C-alpha atoms as a PDB file:
ATOM      1  CA  MET A   1       0.672 -42.782 -65.831  1.00  0.00           C
ATOM      2  CA  SER A   2      -1.907 -45.433 -66.164  1.00  0.00           C
ATOM      3  CA  ALA A   3      -1.021 -48.811 -68.060  1.00  0.00           C
ATOM      4  CA  ASN A   4      -3.097 -47.615 -71.203  1.00  0.00           C
ATOM      5  CA  ASP A   5      -0.967 -44.400 -71.327  1.00  0.00           C
ATOM      6  CA  THR A   6       2.366 -46.353 -71.094  1.00  0.00           C
ATOM      7  CA  SER A   7       0.805 -48.704 -73.768  1.00  0.00           C
ATOM      8  CA  THR A   8       0.025 -46.090 -76.338  1.00  0.00           C
ATOM      9  CA  SER A   9       0.700 -42.264 -76.174  1.00  0.00           C
ATOM     10  CA  GLY A  10       3.301 -42.267 -73.661  1.00  0.00           C
ATOM     11  CA  VAL A  11       5.673 -44.541 -75.475  1.00  0.00           C
ATOM     12  CA  ARG A  12       7.284 -42.193 -77.684  1.00  0.00           C
ATOM     13  CA  GLU A  13       8.182 -39.652 -74.941  1.00  0.00           C
ATOM     14  CA  GLN A  14       9.341 -42.661 -72.761  1.00  0.00           C
ATOM     15  CA  ARG A  15      11.472 -43.935 -75.423  1.00  0.00           C
ATOM     16  CA  ARG A  16      13.183 -40.584 -75.955  1.00  0.00           C
ATOM     17  CA  ALA A  17      13.642 -40.018 -72.185  1.00  0.00           C
ATOM     18  CA  ALA A  18      15.471 -43.379 -72.192  1.00  0.00           C
ATOM     19  CA  GLY A  19      17.692 -42.346 -74.906  1.00  0.00           C
ATOM     20  CA  LEU A  20      16.599 -45.396 -77.266  1.00  0.00           C
ATOM     21  CA  SER A  21      15.803 -44.998 -80.972  1.00  0.00           C
ATOM     22  CA  GLN A  22      12.765 -46.854 -82.649  1.00  0.00           C
ATOM     23  CA  GLN A  23      15.210 -49.654 -83.793  1.00  0.00           C
ATOM     24  CA  GLN A  24      16.757 -49.893 -80.362  1.00  0.00           C
ATOM     25  CA  LEU A  25      13.459 -50.425 -78.656  1.00  0.00           C
ATOM     26  CA  ALA A  26      11.943 -52.687 -81.299  1.00  0.00           C
ATOM     27  CA  THR A  27      14.918 -55.051 -80.719  1.00  0.00           C
ATOM     28  CA  ARG A  28      14.689 -54.985 -76.915  1.00  0.00           C
ATOM     29  CA  ALA A  29      11.000 -55.725 -77.207  1.00  0.00           C
ATOM     30  CA  GLY A  30      11.396 -58.206 -79.769  1.00  0.00           C
ATOM     31  CA  CYS A  31       9.137 -56.647 -82.381  1.00  0.00           C
ATOM     32  CA  SER A  32       9.362 -54.903 -85.466  1.00  0.00           C
ATOM     33  CA  VAL A  33      10.215 -50.846 -85.981  1.00  0.00           C
ATOM     34  CA  SER A  34       6.713 -50.637 -87.576  1.00  0.00           C
ATOM     35  CA  MET A  35       5.014 -51.981 -84.687  1.00  0.00           C
ATOM     36  CA  VAL A  36       6.848 -49.566 -82.143  1.00  0.00           C
ATOM     37  CA  ARG A  37       5.828 -46.777 -84.623  1.00  0.00           C
ATOM     38  CA  LEU A  38       2.169 -47.957 -84.638  1.00  0.00           C
ATOM     39  CA  VAL A  39       2.101 -48.011 -80.700  1.00  0.00           C
ATOM     40  CA  GLU A  40       3.570 -44.665 -80.618  1.00  0.00           C
ATOM     41  CA  SER A  41       0.967 -43.202 -82.843  1.00  0.00           C
ATOM     42  CA  GLY A  42      -1.638 -44.490 -80.721  1.00  0.00           C
ATOM     43  CA  TYR A  43      -2.439 -48.045 -82.003  1.00  0.00           C
ATOM     44  CA  ARG A  44      -3.684 -50.450 -79.387  1.00  0.00           C
ATOM     45  CA  PRO A  45      -4.654 -53.967 -80.687  1.00  0.00           C
ATOM     46  CA  GLU A  46      -7.772 -55.458 -79.669  1.00  0.00           C
ATOM     47  CA  GLY A  47      -7.600 -58.013 -76.576  1.00  0.00           C
ATOM     48  CA  PRO A  48      -4.593 -58.862 -74.776  1.00  0.00           C
ATOM     49  CA  SER A  49      -1.339 -57.862 -76.535  1.00  0.00           C
ATOM     50  CA  ALA A  50       2.047 -59.699 -75.735  1.00  0.00           C
ATOM     51  CA  VAL A  51       3.971 -56.994 -77.741  1.00  0.00           C
ATOM     52  CA  LEU A  52       2.621 -54.042 -75.720  1.00  0.00           C
ATOM     53  CA  GLY A  53       3.777 -55.835 -72.680  1.00  0.00           C
ATOM     54  CA  ARG A  54       7.342 -56.322 -74.007  1.00  0.00           C
ATOM     55  CA  ILE A  55       7.534 -52.805 -75.268  1.00  0.00           C
ATOM     56  CA  GLU A  56       6.641 -51.423 -71.607  1.00  0.00           C
ATOM     57  CA  ALA A  57       9.199 -53.910 -70.176  1.00  0.00           C
ATOM     58  CA  ALA A  58      11.881 -52.770 -72.582  1.00  0.00           C
ATOM     59  CA  LEU A  59      10.991 -49.134 -71.803  1.00  0.00           C
ATOM     60  CA  THR A  60      11.607 -49.932 -67.912  1.00  0.00           C
ATOM     61  CA  ALA A  61      14.619 -52.417 -68.646  1.00  0.00           C
ATOM     62  CA  ASP A  62      17.941 -51.378 -67.042  1.00  0.00           C
ATOM     63  CA  GLY A  63      19.544 -51.557 -70.648  1.00  0.00           C
ATOM     64  CA  SER A  64      19.849 -55.578 -70.489  1.00  0.00           C
ATOM     65  CA  GLU A  65      18.579 -57.435 -73.360  1.00  0.00           C
ATOM     66  CA  GLY A  66      16.409 -59.601 -71.157  1.00  0.00           C
ATOM     67  CA  ALA A  67      13.283 -58.227 -72.409  1.00  0.00           C
ATOM     68  CA  ALA A  68      13.764 -59.145 -75.965  1.00  0.00           C
ATOM     69  CA  HIS A  69      12.573 -63.058 -75.639  1.00  0.00           C
ATOM     70  CA  GLY A  70       9.694 -63.759 -77.973  1.00  0.00           C
ATOM     71  CA  HIS A  71       8.810 -62.846 -81.360  1.00  0.00           C
ATOM     72  CA  ASP A  72       5.578 -61.537 -82.484  1.00  0.00           C
ATOM     73  CA  HIS A  73       6.313 -59.507 -85.431  1.00  0.00           C
END
């Protein structure tokens, strides 16, 4: 799976496989639930996006809250 797949369409599948709710993923990634929903539906912000990196990191984290540092949304 490429980084673009992880950042957009693969997020929902990865979140479900990890047993996370949208709220749990948003909390771990330090973003809003609405941003998680947008990313899951294929939204990809133009240019570099810290939130996409945090969502990806939260999906690959071992359950620690270390991925929830910054706040964009």
